[in-house]
Amino acid sequence: DEPASELLKRIAAEKARLVAEGKIKKQKPLAEIGEEEKPFELPVGWEWTRFGSVCAIRGELVRPEDFPDLRQVAPDCIEKGTGHLTESRTVKESGVKGPNSRFFAGQLLYSKIRPSLSKAVLVDFDGLCSADMYPLDSFIDPVFLLKEILSEIFLEQVRVAENRIKMPKLNQDSLSSFVLPIPPLAEQHRIVAKVDELMA
């Protein structure tokens, strides 16, 4: 497989292009990953990287009353730790009043409120989500990224971040700085297929 380092170079170039086109916001530079931050040895071809290097947080706040028929997602619609949506409702049915974020099919939605509940989902429809959620553009296999968000290595970092602050709400800087093991793209697809087979 092509090593993950090549994939990460392509992602960096793609993000720079999207920033230049005004499609995503320019990120603060992410710190280098120190040896003490790497919890274990990786297989050949894998790389440690920061969460913010492989996705972009893209929230565009809108008025819910302008989109009554779109679907609305809030943390209470997502099952804890599984990545499954538990209910389907429109913006009108949800009765939300305050600003919501627009999201689009193919994005991941991640709840920043009480993040240790691991409420994240990959959506295949456009809609609005509560301002307590981050819509994420994934630059790697989005199903693989969802599985990493729901994994113990991610959750350990969430718990550390939660303990650091009084209000259990994850800010963008903390989320972007989390460390993830990234395999080559072909390996991501194989892992997703294997996990789905085992879960079935």
Protein backbone atom coordinates (compact mmCIF):
# COMPACT_ATOMS: atom_id res chain seq x y z
CA ASP A 1 0.00 0.00 0.00
CA GLU A 2 1.02 3.59 -0.52
CA PRO A 3 2.19 4.78 2.95
CA ALA A 4 -0.11 7.03 4.98
CA SER A 5 2.56 9.77 4.89
CA GLU A 6 1.78 10.29 1.16
CA LEU A 7 -1.96 10.44 1.90
CA LEU A 8 -1.35 13.07 4.60
CA LYS A 9 0.71 15.19 2.15
CA ARG A 10 -2.18 15.08 -0.36
CA ILE A 11 -4.69 16.03 2.34
CA ALA A 12 -2.55 19.03 3.39
CA ALA A 13 -2.42 20.22 -0.25
CA GLU A 14 -6.18 19.71 -0.68
CA LYS A 15 -6.94 21.66 2.50
CA ALA A 16 -4.66 24.52 1.41
CA ARG A 17 -6.57 24.66 -1.90
CA LEU A 18 -9.97 24.74 -0.12
CA VAL A 19 -8.74 27.53 2.19
CA ALA A 20 -7.55 29.52 -0.86
CA GLU A 21 -10.99 29.04 -2.47
CA GLY A 22 -12.71 30.18 0.74
CA LYS A 23 -14.49 26.84 1.20
CA ILE A 24 -13.00 26.07 4.62
CA LYS A 25 -11.44 28.30 7.29
CA LYS A 26 -7.68 28.43 7.77
CA GLN A 27 -6.70 26.35 10.78
CA LYS A 28 -4.25 27.30 13.48
CA PRO A 29 -1.00 25.37 12.91
CA LEU A 30 -1.07 22.06 14.79
CA ALA A 31 1.83 21.14 17.08
CA GLU A 32 4.28 18.41 16.10
CA ILE A 33 3.51 15.08 17.80
CA GLY A 34 6.07 14.29 20.49
CA GLU A 35 7.25 10.72 21.18
CA GLU A 36 5.56 10.82 24.60
CA GLU A 37 2.19 11.39 22.88
CA LYS A 38 2.41 8.13 20.91
CA PRO A 39 0.78 5.41 23.02
CA PHE A 40 2.08 2.46 20.97
CA GLU A 41 4.22 1.42 17.99
CA LEU A 42 2.47 1.57 14.61
CA PRO A 43 2.70 -0.94 11.75
CA VAL A 44 4.91 0.03 8.80
CA GLY A 45 3.17 2.54 6.52
CA TRP A 46 0.97 3.99 9.26
CA GLU A 47 1.39 7.51 10.72
CA TRP A 48 0.41 9.34 13.89
CA THR A 49 -1.39 12.58 13.06
CA ARG A 50 -3.60 15.18 14.73
CA PHE A 51 -7.38 14.94 14.33
CA GLY A 52 -7.41 18.43 12.78
CA SER A 53 -5.05 17.25 10.00
CA VAL A 54 -7.53 14.74 8.56
CA CYS A 55 -10.77 16.69 8.83
CA ALA A 56 -12.19 20.21 8.84
CA ILE A 57 -14.82 21.53 11.25
CA ARG A 58 -17.37 23.32 9.09
CA GLY A 59 -20.26 24.91 10.95
CA GLU A 60 -22.48 27.50 9.24
CA LEU A 61 -25.12 28.81 11.65
CA VAL A 62 -28.57 29.46 10.14
CA ARG A 63 -32.11 30.22 11.33
CA PRO A 64 -34.12 26.98 11.69
CA GLU A 65 -37.33 28.67 10.52
CA ASP A 66 -35.77 29.08 7.07
CA PHE A 67 -35.42 25.27 6.67
CA PRO A 68 -38.60 23.72 8.18
CA ASP A 69 -38.58 20.58 6.02
CA LEU A 70 -34.93 19.58 6.38
CA ARG A 71 -34.04 16.88 8.92
CA GLN A 72 -32.79 18.05 12.31
CA VAL A 73 -30.21 16.15 14.37
CA ALA A 74 -29.30 16.79 18.01
CA PRO A 75 -27.23 14.71 20.45
CA ASP A 76 -30.44 13.09 21.80
CA CYS A 77 -31.04 11.50 18.34
CA ILE A 78 -27.73 9.59 18.42
CA GLU A 79 -27.15 6.33 20.25
CA LYS A 80 -24.20 6.44 22.66
CA GLY A 81 -21.02 4.84 21.30
CA THR A 82 -22.49 3.16 18.20
CA GLY A 83 -22.71 5.85 15.52
CA HIS A 84 -26.42 5.08 14.95
CA LEU A 85 -29.25 7.60 14.58
CA THR A 86 -32.20 6.66 16.77
CA GLU A 87 -34.85 8.97 15.35
CA SER A 88 -35.75 10.95 12.26
CA ARG A 89 -37.49 14.31 12.56
CA THR A 90 -37.79 17.52 10.57
CA VAL A 91 -36.70 20.94 11.82
CA LYS A 92 -40.39 21.84 12.18
CA GLU A 93 -41.14 18.67 14.19
CA SER A 94 -38.15 19.26 16.50
CA GLY A 95 -39.47 22.73 17.43
CA VAL A 96 -35.95 24.20 17.67
CA LYS A 97 -35.74 27.96 18.00
CA GLY A 98 -32.08 28.99 18.32
CA PRO A 99 -29.44 28.99 15.56
CA ASN A 100 -28.53 25.59 14.11
CA SER A 101 -25.62 24.48 11.89
CA ARG A 102 -26.17 23.43 8.28
CA PHE A 103 -24.70 20.05 7.43
CA PHE A 104 -24.49 18.06 4.20
CA ALA A 105 -24.61 14.41 3.15
CA GLY A 106 -21.23 12.73 3.68
CA GLN A 107 -20.31 14.78 6.75
CA LEU A 108 -19.76 13.45 10.27
CA LEU A 109 -21.68 15.05 13.13
CA TYR A 110 -19.95 15.00 16.51
CA SER A 111 -21.49 16.14 19.80
CA LYS A 112 -19.20 18.52 21.69
CA ILE A 113 -21.46 18.41 24.80
CA ARG A 114 -20.47 15.62 27.24
CA PRO A 115 -18.19 14.17 24.54
CA SER A 116 -17.35 11.08 26.61
CA LEU A 117 -20.82 9.79 25.63
CA SER A 118 -19.31 9.26 22.13
CA LYS A 119 -22.21 10.61 20.12
CA ALA A 120 -21.12 10.76 16.48
CA VAL A 121 -22.80 9.80 13.22
CA LEU A 122 -22.05 9.77 9.48
CA VAL A 123 -25.04 11.29 7.63
CA ASP A 124 -26.28 10.53 4.11
CA PHE A 125 -28.70 13.48 3.97
CA ASP A 126 -28.59 17.30 4.23
CA GLY A 127 -30.05 18.96 7.31
CA LEU A 128 -29.53 21.09 10.40
CA CYS A 129 -27.85 20.06 13.64
CA SER A 130 -27.92 21.68 17.04
CA ALA A 131 -25.17 24.20 17.78
CA ASP A 132 -23.88 21.62 20.29
CA MET A 133 -22.54 19.55 17.38
CA TYR A 134 -19.60 19.92 15.00
CA PRO A 135 -20.22 19.09 11.32
CA LEU A 136 -16.93 17.57 10.09
CA ASP A 137 -15.55 17.12 6.57
CA SER A 138 -13.41 13.98 6.53
CA PHE A 139 -10.38 13.79 4.22
CA ILE A 140 -9.86 10.08 4.94
CA ASP A 141 -12.41 7.23 4.67
CA PRO A 142 -15.29 8.81 6.67
CA VAL A 143 -16.50 5.43 8.00
CA PHE A 144 -12.97 4.73 9.26
CA LEU A 145 -12.81 8.17 10.91
CA LEU A 146 -16.15 7.50 12.61
CA LYS A 147 -14.79 4.19 13.96
CA GLU A 148 -11.72 6.04 15.29
CA ILE A 149 -13.92 8.68 16.97
CA LEU A 150 -15.82 5.85 18.70
CA SER A 151 -12.59 4.01 19.67
CA GLU A 152 -10.95 3.83 23.08
CA ILE A 153 -7.79 5.69 21.95
CA PHE A 154 -9.94 8.70 21.03
CA LEU A 155 -12.10 8.41 24.14
CA GLU A 156 -9.07 8.42 26.46
CA GLN A 157 -8.08 11.82 25.06
CA VAL A 158 -11.69 13.07 25.40
CA ARG A 159 -11.70 12.14 29.10
CA VAL A 160 -8.42 14.02 29.71
CA ALA A 161 -9.81 17.11 27.94
CA GLU A 162 -13.09 16.87 29.90
CA ASN A 163 -11.27 16.70 33.23
CA ARG A 164 -9.27 19.80 32.35
CA ILE A 165 -12.36 22.01 32.13
CA LYS A 166 -15.33 22.43 34.45
CA MET A 167 -18.00 22.46 31.72
CA PRO A 168 -17.96 19.17 29.78
CA LYS A 169 -17.84 20.76 26.33
CA LEU A 170 -15.09 20.08 23.83
CA ASN A 171 -13.68 23.14 22.06
CA GLN A 172 -12.28 23.07 18.53
CA ASP A 173 -8.65 23.48 19.63
CA SER A 174 -8.82 20.46 21.97
CA LEU A 175 -10.59 18.31 19.38
CA SER A 176 -8.16 19.27 16.60
CA SER A 177 -5.14 18.40 18.76
CA PHE A 178 -6.17 14.77 19.49
CA VAL A 179 -3.70 12.19 18.18
CA LEU A 180 -4.87 9.42 15.82
CA PRO A 181 -3.17 6.42 14.17
CA ILE A 182 -3.78 6.63 10.41
CA PRO A 183 -3.26 3.60 8.14
CA PRO A 184 -2.81 3.77 4.36
CA LEU A 185 -6.11 4.45 2.53
CA ALA A 186 -6.44 0.88 1.19
CA GLU A 187 -5.94 -0.44 4.73
CA GLN A 188 -8.64 1.94 6.03
CA HIS A 189 -11.12 0.37 3.60
CA ARG A 190 -10.07 -3.16 4.66
CA ILE A 191 -10.41 -2.32 8.37
CA VAL A 192 -13.89 -0.86 7.80
CA ALA A 193 -14.95 -3.99 5.87
CA LYS A 194 -13.53 -6.28 8.60
CA VAL A 195 -15.14 -4.34 11.48
CA ASP A 196 -18.51 -4.34 9.66
CA GLU A 197 -18.20 -8.10 9.08
CA LEU A 198 -17.38 -8.70 12.78
CA MET A 199 -20.22 -6.41 13.94
CA ALA A 200 -22.70 -8.22 11.68
